[in-house]
N, C-alpha and C. Protein backbone atom coordinates (compact mmCIF):
# COMPACT_ATOMS: atom_id res chain seq x y z
N UNK A 1 22.87 180.30 132.51
CA UNK A 1 22.58 180.58 133.90
C UNK A 1 23.09 182.01 134.28
N UNK A 2 24.32 182.31 133.80
CA UNK A 2 24.89 183.63 134.10
C UNK A 2 24.06 184.75 133.49
N UNK A 3 23.54 184.50 132.27
CA UNK A 3 22.70 185.50 131.63
C UNK A 3 21.40 185.71 132.40
N UNK A 4 20.87 184.60 132.96
CA UNK A 4 19.66 184.70 133.76
C UNK A 4 19.88 185.50 135.02
N UNK A 5 21.03 185.27 135.66
CA UNK A 5 21.36 185.99 136.88
C UNK A 5 21.53 187.47 136.58
N UNK A 6 22.24 187.78 135.44
CA UNK A 6 22.46 189.17 135.08
C UNK A 6 21.14 189.87 134.78
N UNK A 7 20.24 189.16 134.10
CA UNK A 7 18.93 189.75 133.77
C UNK A 7 18.13 190.01 135.05
N UNK A 8 18.18 189.07 135.98
CA UNK A 8 17.48 189.23 137.25
C UNK A 8 18.05 190.40 138.03
N UNK A 9 19.37 190.55 138.05
CA UNK A 9 20.02 191.66 138.76
C UNK A 9 19.65 192.99 138.15
N UNK A 10 19.64 193.05 136.80
CA UNK A 10 19.26 194.31 136.13
C UNK A 10 17.80 194.67 136.46
N UNK A 11 16.93 193.65 136.49
CA UNK A 11 15.53 193.90 136.82
C UNK A 11 15.41 194.40 138.26
N UNK A 12 16.23 193.81 139.17
CA UNK A 12 16.16 194.25 140.58
C UNK A 12 16.62 195.72 140.72
N UNK A 13 17.68 196.08 140.02
CA UNK A 13 18.14 197.47 140.05
C UNK A 13 17.09 198.40 139.46
N UNK A 14 16.41 197.93 138.42
CA UNK A 14 15.33 198.73 137.84
C UNK A 14 14.24 198.97 138.87
N UNK A 15 13.90 197.91 139.63
CA UNK A 15 12.89 198.07 140.68
C UNK A 15 13.31 199.04 141.76
N UNK A 16 14.61 199.07 142.06
CA UNK A 16 15.11 200.05 143.03
C UNK A 16 14.88 201.47 142.55
N UNK A 17 15.02 201.66 141.24
CA UNK A 17 14.78 203.00 140.69
C UNK A 17 13.31 203.34 140.60
N UNK A 18 12.47 202.32 140.32
CA UNK A 18 11.05 202.53 140.20
C UNK A 18 10.36 202.71 141.53
N UNK A 19 10.94 202.10 142.60
CA UNK A 19 10.31 202.12 143.91
C UNK A 19 11.28 202.65 144.97
N UNK A 20 11.75 203.90 144.80
CA UNK A 20 12.63 204.45 145.83
C UNK A 20 11.86 204.87 147.05
N UNK A 21 12.59 205.02 148.15
CA UNK A 21 11.96 205.49 149.39
C UNK A 21 11.86 207.02 149.31
N UNK A 22 10.67 207.52 149.35
CA UNK A 22 10.44 208.97 149.28
C UNK A 22 9.41 209.40 150.32
N UNK A 23 9.41 210.65 150.67
CA UNK A 23 8.48 211.15 151.69
C UNK A 23 7.58 212.27 151.17
N UNK A 24 7.84 212.79 149.99
CA UNK A 24 7.02 213.87 149.48
C UNK A 24 6.44 213.48 148.13
N UNK A 25 5.24 214.01 147.86
CA UNK A 25 4.59 213.73 146.59
C UNK A 25 5.42 214.22 145.44
N UNK A 26 5.99 215.41 145.58
CA UNK A 26 6.74 216.01 144.50
C UNK A 26 7.92 215.18 144.10
N UNK A 27 8.51 214.43 145.01
CA UNK A 27 9.67 213.62 144.66
C UNK A 27 9.28 212.40 143.87
N UNK A 28 7.96 212.08 143.77
CA UNK A 28 7.51 210.98 142.94
C UNK A 28 7.27 211.44 141.50
N UNK A 29 7.27 212.73 141.28
CA UNK A 29 6.77 213.24 140.04
C UNK A 29 7.53 212.73 138.83
N UNK A 30 8.88 212.47 138.99
CA UNK A 30 9.61 212.05 137.82
C UNK A 30 9.40 210.57 137.51
N UNK A 31 8.60 209.88 138.36
CA UNK A 31 8.24 208.49 138.05
C UNK A 31 6.83 208.40 137.49
N UNK A 32 6.09 209.52 137.51
CA UNK A 32 4.72 209.49 137.03
C UNK A 32 4.72 209.51 135.53
N UNK A 33 3.65 208.98 134.89
CA UNK A 33 3.57 208.94 133.43
C UNK A 33 3.18 210.31 132.86
N UNK A 34 3.07 211.33 133.70
CA UNK A 34 2.73 212.67 133.20
C UNK A 34 3.57 213.66 134.01
N UNK A 35 3.74 214.85 133.44
CA UNK A 35 4.55 215.88 134.03
C UNK A 35 3.75 216.65 135.07
N UNK A 36 4.33 216.84 136.27
CA UNK A 36 3.65 217.63 137.30
C UNK A 36 4.10 219.09 137.17
N UNK A 37 3.21 219.99 136.73
CA UNK A 37 3.59 221.39 136.59
C UNK A 37 3.62 222.08 137.95
N UNK A 38 4.67 222.82 138.20
CA UNK A 38 4.80 223.53 139.47
C UNK A 38 4.24 224.92 139.27
N UNK A 39 2.91 225.03 139.27
CA UNK A 39 2.26 226.33 139.12
C UNK A 39 1.25 226.46 140.22
N UNK A 40 0.76 227.66 140.41
CA UNK A 40 -0.23 227.90 141.46
C UNK A 40 -1.58 227.30 141.08
N UNK A 41 -1.83 227.09 139.75
CA UNK A 41 -3.06 226.48 139.27
C UNK A 41 -2.78 225.13 138.66
N UNK A 42 -3.00 224.05 139.38
CA UNK A 42 -2.70 222.73 138.84
C UNK A 42 -3.59 222.43 137.62
N UNK A 43 -3.04 221.76 136.64
CA UNK A 43 -3.75 221.46 135.42
C UNK A 43 -4.53 220.16 135.51
N UNK A 44 -4.47 219.41 136.64
CA UNK A 44 -5.24 218.21 136.81
C UNK A 44 -5.62 218.10 138.28
N UNK A 45 -6.64 217.33 138.58
CA UNK A 45 -7.09 217.21 139.98
C UNK A 45 -6.00 216.69 140.90
N UNK A 46 -5.90 217.28 142.08
CA UNK A 46 -4.88 216.85 143.01
C UNK A 46 -5.10 215.44 143.52
N UNK A 47 -6.37 214.96 143.43
CA UNK A 47 -6.68 213.61 143.86
C UNK A 47 -5.95 212.56 143.02
N UNK A 48 -5.69 212.94 141.72
CA UNK A 48 -4.94 212.01 140.87
C UNK A 48 -3.52 211.82 141.37
N UNK A 49 -2.91 212.91 141.81
CA UNK A 49 -1.57 212.84 142.34
C UNK A 49 -1.56 212.03 143.64
N UNK A 50 -2.56 212.27 144.51
CA UNK A 50 -2.63 211.53 145.76
C UNK A 50 -2.84 210.05 145.50
N UNK A 51 -3.70 209.74 144.50
CA UNK A 51 -3.94 208.34 144.18
C UNK A 51 -2.69 207.68 143.65
N UNK A 52 -1.97 208.37 142.75
CA UNK A 52 -0.73 207.80 142.22
C UNK A 52 0.31 207.65 143.30
N UNK A 53 0.37 208.63 144.21
CA UNK A 53 1.31 208.56 145.32
C UNK A 53 0.99 207.37 146.23
N UNK A 54 -0.33 207.13 146.46
CA UNK A 54 -0.72 206.01 147.31
C UNK A 54 -0.36 204.69 146.66
N UNK A 55 -0.51 204.58 145.34
CA UNK A 55 -0.13 203.36 144.64
C UNK A 55 1.38 203.13 144.72
N UNK A 56 2.13 204.22 144.58
CA UNK A 56 3.58 204.11 144.66
C UNK A 56 4.02 203.69 146.05
N UNK A 57 3.36 204.22 147.08
CA UNK A 57 3.68 203.87 148.48
C UNK A 57 3.45 202.38 148.70
N UNK A 58 2.35 201.86 148.20
CA UNK A 58 2.06 200.43 148.35
C UNK A 58 3.11 199.58 147.62
N UNK A 59 3.51 200.04 146.41
CA UNK A 59 4.51 199.30 145.65
C UNK A 59 5.84 199.32 146.40
N UNK A 60 6.19 200.49 146.96
CA UNK A 60 7.43 200.59 147.73
C UNK A 60 7.44 199.60 148.90
N UNK A 61 6.33 199.60 149.63
CA UNK A 61 6.23 198.75 150.83
C UNK A 61 6.32 197.28 150.45
N UNK A 62 5.63 196.88 149.40
CA UNK A 62 5.67 195.48 148.97
C UNK A 62 7.06 195.08 148.53
N UNK A 63 7.72 195.97 147.77
CA UNK A 63 9.07 195.68 147.28
C UNK A 63 10.04 195.47 148.41
N UNK A 64 10.04 196.37 149.42
CA UNK A 64 10.98 196.24 150.51
C UNK A 64 10.64 195.07 151.40
N UNK A 65 9.37 194.76 151.55
CA UNK A 65 8.96 193.60 152.35
C UNK A 65 9.47 192.30 151.71
N UNK A 66 9.32 192.18 150.40
CA UNK A 66 9.82 190.99 149.69
C UNK A 66 11.33 190.91 149.78
N UNK A 67 11.99 192.06 149.59
CA UNK A 67 13.46 192.10 149.67
C UNK A 67 13.95 191.63 151.04
N UNK A 68 13.32 192.16 152.11
CA UNK A 68 13.71 191.77 153.45
C UNK A 68 13.46 190.29 153.72
N UNK A 69 12.32 189.79 153.20
CA UNK A 69 12.00 188.40 153.41
C UNK A 69 13.02 187.48 152.77
N UNK A 70 13.45 187.80 151.55
CA UNK A 70 14.45 187.01 150.85
C UNK A 70 15.80 187.06 151.58
N UNK A 71 16.20 188.25 152.01
CA UNK A 71 17.50 188.40 152.70
C UNK A 71 17.51 187.65 154.04
N UNK A 72 16.43 187.78 154.79
CA UNK A 72 16.35 187.06 156.07
C UNK A 72 16.36 185.55 155.82
N UNK A 73 15.69 185.12 154.76
CA UNK A 73 15.74 183.70 154.43
C UNK A 73 17.13 183.21 154.10
N UNK A 74 17.87 184.00 153.34
CA UNK A 74 19.25 183.65 153.01
C UNK A 74 20.10 183.57 154.27
N UNK A 75 19.93 184.55 155.17
CA UNK A 75 20.71 184.56 156.41
C UNK A 75 20.38 183.34 157.28
N UNK A 76 19.12 182.91 157.25
CA UNK A 76 18.76 181.72 158.06
C UNK A 76 19.36 180.46 157.49
N UNK A 77 19.41 180.34 156.17
CA UNK A 77 20.04 179.17 155.55
C UNK A 77 21.50 179.10 155.96
N UNK A 78 22.18 180.25 155.95
CA UNK A 78 23.59 180.30 156.35
C UNK A 78 23.71 179.93 157.84
N UNK A 79 22.84 180.48 158.65
CA UNK A 79 22.89 180.19 160.10
C UNK A 79 22.66 178.72 160.37
N UNK A 80 21.76 178.09 159.62
CA UNK A 80 21.51 176.67 159.83
C UNK A 80 22.74 175.86 159.49
N UNK A 81 23.41 176.22 158.41
CA UNK A 81 24.62 175.50 158.02
C UNK A 81 25.74 175.69 159.05
N UNK A 82 25.89 176.93 159.53
CA UNK A 82 26.94 177.19 160.52
C UNK A 82 26.69 176.41 161.83
N UNK A 83 25.42 176.29 162.21
CA UNK A 83 25.10 175.62 163.46
C UNK A 83 25.16 174.11 163.35
N UNK A 84 25.44 173.60 162.15
CA UNK A 84 25.65 172.15 161.98
C UNK A 84 24.44 171.38 161.53
N UNK A 85 23.36 172.04 161.19
CA UNK A 85 22.14 171.35 160.71
C UNK A 85 22.41 170.83 159.29
N UNK A 86 22.28 169.52 159.13
CA UNK A 86 22.61 168.93 157.85
C UNK A 86 21.44 168.99 156.86
N UNK A 87 20.22 168.89 157.34
CA UNK A 87 19.04 168.96 156.49
C UNK A 87 18.30 170.26 156.76
N UNK A 88 18.06 171.02 155.71
CA UNK A 88 17.43 172.33 155.86
C UNK A 88 16.08 172.21 156.53
N UNK A 89 15.86 173.01 157.55
CA UNK A 89 14.56 173.03 158.27
C UNK A 89 13.64 174.04 157.59
N UNK A 90 12.76 173.54 156.75
CA UNK A 90 11.88 174.40 155.94
C UNK A 90 10.94 175.21 156.77
N UNK A 91 10.38 174.61 157.83
CA UNK A 91 9.45 175.33 158.68
C UNK A 91 10.13 176.57 159.26
N UNK A 92 11.31 176.38 159.83
CA UNK A 92 12.06 177.48 160.40
C UNK A 92 12.37 178.54 159.33
N UNK A 93 12.76 178.09 158.13
CA UNK A 93 13.09 179.03 157.08
C UNK A 93 11.89 179.87 156.67
N UNK A 94 10.73 179.22 156.56
CA UNK A 94 9.52 179.95 156.18
C UNK A 94 9.13 180.97 157.25
N UNK A 95 9.25 180.57 158.52
CA UNK A 95 8.90 181.49 159.60
C UNK A 95 9.88 182.67 159.67
N UNK A 96 11.15 182.44 159.36
CA UNK A 96 12.11 183.52 159.34
C UNK A 96 11.84 184.48 158.18
N UNK A 97 11.50 183.90 157.01
CA UNK A 97 11.14 184.75 155.88
C UNK A 97 9.88 185.55 156.16
N UNK A 98 8.93 184.95 156.87
CA UNK A 98 7.74 185.67 157.27
C UNK A 98 8.07 186.85 158.18
N UNK A 99 9.03 186.64 159.07
CA UNK A 99 9.50 187.74 159.93
C UNK A 99 10.05 188.90 159.11
N UNK A 100 10.87 188.58 158.10
CA UNK A 100 11.41 189.62 157.24
C UNK A 100 10.34 190.31 156.43
N UNK A 101 9.42 189.52 155.88
CA UNK A 101 8.39 190.07 155.00
C UNK A 101 7.37 190.91 155.76
N UNK A 102 6.91 190.40 156.90
CA UNK A 102 5.81 191.05 157.62
C UNK A 102 6.27 192.10 158.63
N UNK A 103 7.55 192.02 159.06
CA UNK A 103 7.99 192.94 160.10
C UNK A 103 9.22 193.75 159.71
N UNK A 104 10.35 193.09 159.51
CA UNK A 104 11.59 193.86 159.39
C UNK A 104 11.63 194.73 158.12
N UNK A 105 11.06 194.25 157.03
CA UNK A 105 11.02 195.07 155.79
C UNK A 105 10.15 196.30 155.97
N UNK A 106 8.88 196.12 156.32
CA UNK A 106 8.02 197.30 156.56
C UNK A 106 8.54 198.22 157.66
N UNK A 107 9.10 197.65 158.73
CA UNK A 107 9.64 198.47 159.82
C UNK A 107 10.77 199.38 159.30
N UNK A 108 11.70 198.79 158.54
CA UNK A 108 12.79 199.60 157.98
C UNK A 108 12.29 200.67 157.05
N UNK A 109 11.29 200.34 156.23
CA UNK A 109 10.72 201.29 155.29
C UNK A 109 10.17 202.52 156.01
N UNK A 110 9.32 202.27 157.02
CA UNK A 110 8.72 203.41 157.74
C UNK A 110 9.70 204.09 158.68
N UNK A 111 10.70 203.37 159.18
CA UNK A 111 11.72 204.01 160.02
C UNK A 111 12.46 205.07 159.27
N UNK A 112 12.92 204.76 158.05
CA UNK A 112 13.69 205.72 157.29
C UNK A 112 12.83 206.86 156.77
N UNK A 113 11.57 206.57 156.50
CA UNK A 113 10.67 207.67 156.14
C UNK A 113 10.50 208.60 157.33
N UNK A 114 10.30 208.04 158.51
CA UNK A 114 10.10 208.85 159.71
C UNK A 114 11.35 209.69 160.02
N UNK A 115 12.52 209.07 159.88
CA UNK A 115 13.76 209.80 160.11
C UNK A 115 13.89 210.99 159.16
N UNK A 116 13.54 210.77 157.92
CA UNK A 116 13.65 211.84 156.93
C UNK A 116 12.66 212.96 157.22
N UNK A 117 11.49 212.58 157.75
CA UNK A 117 10.48 213.60 158.09
C UNK A 117 10.94 214.40 159.33
N UNK A 118 11.41 213.67 160.34
CA UNK A 118 11.81 214.33 161.58
C UNK A 118 12.96 215.32 161.33
N UNK A 119 13.93 214.91 160.55
CA UNK A 119 15.12 215.72 160.34
C UNK A 119 15.11 216.44 159.01
N UNK A 120 13.97 216.38 158.31
CA UNK A 120 13.75 217.19 157.08
C UNK A 120 14.80 216.95 156.02
N UNK A 121 15.29 215.74 155.91
CA UNK A 121 16.20 215.38 154.85
C UNK A 121 17.61 215.94 155.00
N UNK A 122 17.96 216.51 156.15
CA UNK A 122 19.30 217.07 156.33
C UNK A 122 20.34 215.97 156.44
N UNK A 123 21.57 216.25 155.94
CA UNK A 123 22.62 215.24 155.94
C UNK A 123 23.92 215.75 156.54
N UNK A 124 23.87 216.88 157.26
CA UNK A 124 25.09 217.37 157.90
C UNK A 124 25.47 216.43 159.04
N UNK A 125 26.74 216.54 159.47
CA UNK A 125 27.28 215.61 160.45
C UNK A 125 26.47 215.58 161.76
N UNK A 126 26.05 216.78 162.20
CA UNK A 126 25.28 216.85 163.44
C UNK A 126 23.94 216.11 163.32
N UNK A 127 23.26 216.29 162.18
CA UNK A 127 21.97 215.61 161.97
C UNK A 127 22.15 214.11 161.87
N UNK A 128 23.19 213.69 161.16
CA UNK A 128 23.45 212.26 161.04
C UNK A 128 23.72 211.64 162.39
N UNK A 129 24.49 212.35 163.22
CA UNK A 129 24.78 211.87 164.57
C UNK A 129 23.51 211.72 165.39
N UNK A 130 22.59 212.71 165.25
CA UNK A 130 21.32 212.64 165.98
C UNK A 130 20.48 211.48 165.50
N UNK A 131 20.48 211.23 164.18
CA UNK A 131 19.74 210.08 163.64
C UNK A 131 20.27 208.75 164.23
N UNK A 132 21.58 208.65 164.23
CA UNK A 132 22.20 207.41 164.74
C UNK A 132 21.88 207.18 166.20
N UNK A 133 21.99 208.24 166.99
CA UNK A 133 21.70 208.13 168.42
C UNK A 133 20.23 207.78 168.66
N UNK A 134 19.34 208.45 167.93
CA UNK A 134 17.89 208.19 168.09
C UNK A 134 17.59 206.74 167.71
N UNK A 135 18.17 206.28 166.63
CA UNK A 135 17.90 204.90 166.21
C UNK A 135 18.42 203.87 167.20
N UNK A 136 19.62 204.12 167.75
CA UNK A 136 20.22 203.19 168.67
C UNK A 136 19.54 203.16 170.04
N UNK A 137 18.86 204.23 170.37
CA UNK A 137 18.17 204.30 171.66
C UNK A 137 16.70 203.83 171.58
N UNK A 138 16.18 203.68 170.35
CA UNK A 138 14.79 203.33 170.20
C UNK A 138 14.61 202.02 169.43
N UNK A 139 14.84 202.04 168.12
CA UNK A 139 14.54 200.87 167.32
C UNK A 139 15.51 199.71 167.55
N UNK A 140 16.77 200.02 167.82
CA UNK A 140 17.75 198.93 168.02
C UNK A 140 17.41 198.04 169.21
N UNK A 141 17.20 198.57 170.43
CA UNK A 141 16.83 197.71 171.54
C UNK A 141 15.52 196.95 171.30
N UNK A 142 14.54 197.64 170.72
CA UNK A 142 13.26 196.98 170.47
C UNK A 142 13.40 195.83 169.47
N UNK A 143 14.08 196.06 168.35
CA UNK A 143 14.21 195.06 167.31
C UNK A 143 14.95 193.80 167.81
N UNK A 144 16.00 193.99 168.56
CA UNK A 144 16.73 192.83 169.08
C UNK A 144 15.90 192.01 170.05
N UNK A 145 15.17 192.70 170.93
CA UNK A 145 14.32 191.97 171.89
C UNK A 145 13.16 191.29 171.15
N UNK A 146 12.56 191.99 170.20
CA UNK A 146 11.44 191.42 169.44
C UNK A 146 11.90 190.17 168.68
N UNK A 147 13.07 190.21 168.07
CA UNK A 147 13.58 189.07 167.33
C UNK A 147 13.79 187.86 168.24
N UNK A 148 14.38 188.10 169.40
CA UNK A 148 14.65 186.98 170.32
C UNK A 148 13.35 186.37 170.82
N UNK A 149 12.34 187.20 171.05
CA UNK A 149 11.05 186.67 171.50
C UNK A 149 10.35 185.94 170.38
N UNK A 150 10.39 186.50 169.19
CA UNK A 150 9.78 185.83 168.01
C UNK A 150 10.45 184.49 167.75
N UNK A 151 11.75 184.46 167.85
CA UNK A 151 12.47 183.23 167.56
C UNK A 151 12.09 182.15 168.60
N UNK A 152 12.08 182.53 169.86
CA UNK A 152 11.76 181.55 170.89
C UNK A 152 10.33 181.09 170.87
N UNK A 153 9.39 182.06 170.76
CA UNK A 153 7.96 181.73 170.83
C UNK A 153 7.42 181.12 169.55
N UNK A 154 7.81 181.66 168.41
CA UNK A 154 7.24 181.23 167.13
C UNK A 154 8.07 180.19 166.43
N UNK A 155 9.37 180.50 166.23
CA UNK A 155 10.24 179.57 165.47
C UNK A 155 10.50 178.31 166.25
N UNK A 156 10.91 178.44 167.49
CA UNK A 156 11.18 177.26 168.32
C UNK A 156 9.95 176.70 169.01
N UNK A 157 8.89 177.51 169.15
CA UNK A 157 7.67 177.05 169.75
C UNK A 157 7.77 176.78 171.23
N UNK A 158 8.61 177.53 171.93
CA UNK A 158 8.83 177.31 173.35
C UNK A 158 7.86 178.16 174.19
N UNK A 159 7.71 177.78 175.43
CA UNK A 159 6.82 178.50 176.32
C UNK A 159 7.35 179.85 176.72
N UNK A 160 6.43 180.71 177.21
CA UNK A 160 6.82 182.07 177.57
C UNK A 160 7.85 182.11 178.66
N UNK A 161 7.75 181.23 179.64
CA UNK A 161 8.71 181.21 180.76
C UNK A 161 10.14 180.91 180.30
N UNK A 162 10.31 179.93 179.43
CA UNK A 162 11.61 179.60 178.90
C UNK A 162 12.20 180.75 178.06
N UNK A 163 11.31 181.32 177.20
CA UNK A 163 11.76 182.41 176.34
C UNK A 163 12.14 183.64 177.18
N UNK A 164 11.35 183.94 178.20
CA UNK A 164 11.64 185.09 179.06
C UNK A 164 13.00 184.93 179.75
N UNK A 165 13.29 183.73 180.24
CA UNK A 165 14.56 183.49 180.90
C UNK A 165 15.72 183.57 179.90
N UNK A 166 15.48 183.08 178.69
CA UNK A 166 16.50 183.13 177.64
C UNK A 166 16.83 184.58 177.27
N UNK A 167 15.77 185.38 177.10
CA UNK A 167 15.96 186.79 176.76
C UNK A 167 16.64 187.54 177.90
N UNK A 168 16.22 187.28 179.10
CA UNK A 168 16.82 187.93 180.27
C UNK A 168 18.31 187.61 180.40
N UNK A 169 18.68 186.40 180.03
CA UNK A 169 20.08 185.98 180.14
C UNK A 169 20.92 186.56 179.00
N UNK A 170 20.43 186.48 177.78
CA UNK A 170 21.26 186.81 176.62
C UNK A 170 21.07 188.20 176.05
N UNK A 171 19.94 188.83 176.35
CA UNK A 171 19.65 190.12 175.74
C UNK A 171 20.68 191.21 176.04
N UNK A 172 21.17 191.36 177.30
CA UNK A 172 22.14 192.42 177.56
C UNK A 172 23.39 192.31 176.70
N UNK A 173 23.92 191.09 176.56
CA UNK A 173 25.14 190.93 175.75
C UNK A 173 24.85 191.19 174.27
N UNK A 174 23.64 190.77 173.81
CA UNK A 174 23.30 191.01 172.42
C UNK A 174 23.20 192.51 172.14
N UNK A 175 22.55 193.26 173.03
CA UNK A 175 22.38 194.69 172.82
C UNK A 175 23.71 195.45 172.90
N UNK A 176 24.56 195.05 173.83
CA UNK A 176 25.86 195.68 173.94
C UNK A 176 26.67 195.44 172.66
N UNK A 177 26.60 194.23 172.12
CA UNK A 177 27.28 193.94 170.84
C UNK A 177 26.70 194.81 169.73
N UNK A 178 25.38 194.96 169.74
CA UNK A 178 24.70 195.78 168.72
C UNK A 178 25.20 197.23 168.78
N UNK A 179 25.38 197.76 169.97
CA UNK A 179 25.84 199.13 170.08
C UNK A 179 27.29 199.34 169.69
N UNK A 180 28.03 198.26 169.56
CA UNK A 180 29.42 198.35 169.04
C UNK A 180 29.43 198.27 167.52
N UNK A 181 28.36 197.76 166.93
CA UNK A 181 28.34 197.46 165.50
C UNK A 181 27.44 198.41 164.71
N UNK A 182 26.18 198.56 165.17
CA UNK A 182 25.20 199.26 164.39
C UNK A 182 25.40 200.78 164.27
N UNK A 183 25.98 201.47 165.26
CA UNK A 183 26.20 202.90 165.03
C UNK A 183 27.09 203.19 163.80
N UNK A 184 28.05 202.34 163.54
CA UNK A 184 28.90 202.52 162.34
C UNK A 184 28.05 202.32 161.09
N UNK A 185 27.24 201.27 161.09
CA UNK A 185 26.36 201.01 159.96
C UNK A 185 25.39 202.17 159.74
N UNK A 186 24.81 202.67 160.85
CA UNK A 186 23.89 203.77 160.75
C UNK A 186 24.53 205.03 160.19
N UNK A 187 25.73 205.31 160.63
CA UNK A 187 26.45 206.52 160.15
C UNK A 187 26.68 206.41 158.62
N UNK A 188 27.17 205.25 158.17
CA UNK A 188 27.40 205.06 156.72
C UNK A 188 26.11 205.17 155.96
N UNK A 189 25.05 204.61 156.50
CA UNK A 189 23.77 204.59 155.79
C UNK A 189 23.19 206.01 155.66
N UNK A 190 23.17 206.76 156.75
CA UNK A 190 22.58 208.09 156.70
C UNK A 190 23.49 209.11 156.01
N UNK A 191 24.78 208.91 156.08
CA UNK A 191 25.70 209.92 155.54
C UNK A 191 25.98 209.71 154.07
N UNK A 192 26.12 208.46 153.65
CA UNK A 192 26.63 208.21 152.30
C UNK A 192 25.66 207.51 151.36
N UNK A 193 24.64 206.84 151.90
CA UNK A 193 23.73 206.10 151.03
C UNK A 193 22.62 207.02 150.51
N UNK A 194 22.35 206.98 149.18
CA UNK A 194 21.20 207.72 148.67
C UNK A 194 19.92 207.18 149.33
N UNK A 195 18.93 208.05 149.42
CA UNK A 195 17.70 207.70 150.14
C UNK A 195 17.06 206.42 149.64
N UNK A 196 17.09 206.22 148.28
CA UNK A 196 16.42 205.06 147.74
C UNK A 196 17.14 203.75 148.00
N UNK A 197 18.41 203.82 148.48
CA UNK A 197 19.16 202.60 148.76
C UNK A 197 19.30 202.33 150.26
N UNK A 198 18.77 203.22 151.10
CA UNK A 198 19.01 203.05 152.55
C UNK A 198 18.33 201.80 153.08
N UNK A 199 17.10 201.52 152.65
CA UNK A 199 16.40 200.34 153.16
C UNK A 199 17.08 199.06 152.75
N UNK A 200 17.51 198.98 151.47
CA UNK A 200 18.14 197.76 151.00
C UNK A 200 19.51 197.57 151.64
N UNK A 201 20.23 198.67 151.89
CA UNK A 201 21.51 198.55 152.58
C UNK A 201 21.30 198.09 154.02
N UNK A 202 20.33 198.71 154.67
CA UNK A 202 20.01 198.34 156.04
C UNK A 202 19.56 196.89 156.12
N UNK A 203 18.74 196.45 155.14
CA UNK A 203 18.24 195.07 155.13
C UNK A 203 19.37 194.08 154.89
N UNK A 204 20.31 194.46 154.04
CA UNK A 204 21.43 193.56 153.77
C UNK A 204 22.29 193.36 155.01
N UNK A 205 22.63 194.46 155.68
CA UNK A 205 23.43 194.35 156.90
C UNK A 205 22.64 193.65 157.98
N UNK A 206 21.34 193.92 158.05
CA UNK A 206 20.50 193.26 159.05
C UNK A 206 20.44 191.75 158.82
N UNK A 207 20.50 191.33 157.55
CA UNK A 207 20.51 189.89 157.28
C UNK A 207 21.80 189.24 157.80
N UNK A 208 22.91 189.97 157.71
CA UNK A 208 24.16 189.48 158.29
C UNK A 208 24.07 189.46 159.84
N UNK A 209 23.50 190.50 160.39
CA UNK A 209 23.31 190.56 161.84
C UNK A 209 22.36 189.45 162.31
N UNK A 210 21.38 189.11 161.47
CA UNK A 210 20.42 188.07 161.82
C UNK A 210 21.08 186.72 161.98
N UNK A 211 22.21 186.49 161.28
CA UNK A 211 22.95 185.24 161.45
C UNK A 211 23.44 185.15 162.89
N UNK A 212 24.01 186.26 163.39
CA UNK A 212 24.47 186.32 164.78
C UNK A 212 23.30 186.10 165.75
N UNK A 213 22.18 186.80 165.50
CA UNK A 213 21.02 186.67 166.37
C UNK A 213 20.44 185.24 166.31
N UNK A 214 20.45 184.67 165.12
CA UNK A 214 19.99 183.29 164.98
C UNK A 214 20.73 182.34 165.87
N UNK A 215 22.05 182.44 165.84
CA UNK A 215 22.90 181.54 166.63
C UNK A 215 22.76 181.86 168.11
N UNK A 216 22.60 183.13 168.43
CA UNK A 216 22.48 183.54 169.84
C UNK A 216 21.14 183.16 170.41
N UNK A 217 20.07 183.22 169.60
CA UNK A 217 18.73 182.99 170.09
C UNK A 217 18.41 181.50 170.26
N UNK A 218 19.16 180.66 169.59
CA UNK A 218 18.87 179.23 169.68
C UNK A 218 19.06 178.73 171.09
N UNK A 219 18.06 178.02 171.59
CA UNK A 219 18.15 177.46 172.94
C UNK A 219 18.99 176.19 172.94
N UNK A 220 18.78 175.36 171.91
CA UNK A 220 19.51 174.12 171.79
C UNK A 220 19.81 173.93 170.30
N UNK A 221 21.03 173.48 170.03
CA UNK A 221 21.39 173.19 168.66
C UNK A 221 20.76 171.89 168.24
N UNK A 222 19.85 171.95 167.30
CA UNK A 222 19.13 170.77 166.84
C UNK A 222 19.75 170.27 165.55
N UNK A 223 20.35 169.12 165.58
CA UNK A 223 21.02 168.58 164.43
C UNK A 223 20.22 167.39 163.89
N UNK A 224 20.01 167.43 162.59
CA UNK A 224 19.29 166.32 161.97
C UNK A 224 20.14 165.78 160.83
N UNK A 225 20.11 164.49 160.68
CA UNK A 225 20.89 163.86 159.62
C UNK A 225 20.28 164.17 158.25
């Protein structure tokens, strides 16, 4: 079993190297099966590079979506156990994994690409501070509100009126807590994490944060024998 786990971990690390987060075609060149010559006269059609880049982009997106889905699923299992649920609720687990796969993974992927484009890959303290502030004023409030609405409407299947009242009541405290926690995570991520590890680091911390949101978003603790 330990050998199987080690082999799976090595394969996962290999996938991290094969599918890093990148924003320029040239940065993909060392993953291509052919050498990209940096000359004024390219030795092969540029459409081949664009096609290869498009395939790599799709692979990147799929990889991070699956990673986020698995991490969110793990966080939901932990949240269910903490909340006292004795029998695992598979429907809830599947819906939470769907959230990670269809939304949080792709969102994190494109967020970090956009940040790198906006700030041109700079990593000085001023730029990192700007990234953190921009993220906390835009994506952080939206993601927390979206999660609470998704949980109430989709996972719990409650009506809009109940969910709206729940969000109105709990959202301010959730967001204030987020602003005490996520700026530190953002600073570490942008300042010290290599670009290809930023999404997985963000997804891992987000899965821990999702445990808190899970418990906060629940309207009623449902316990089953």
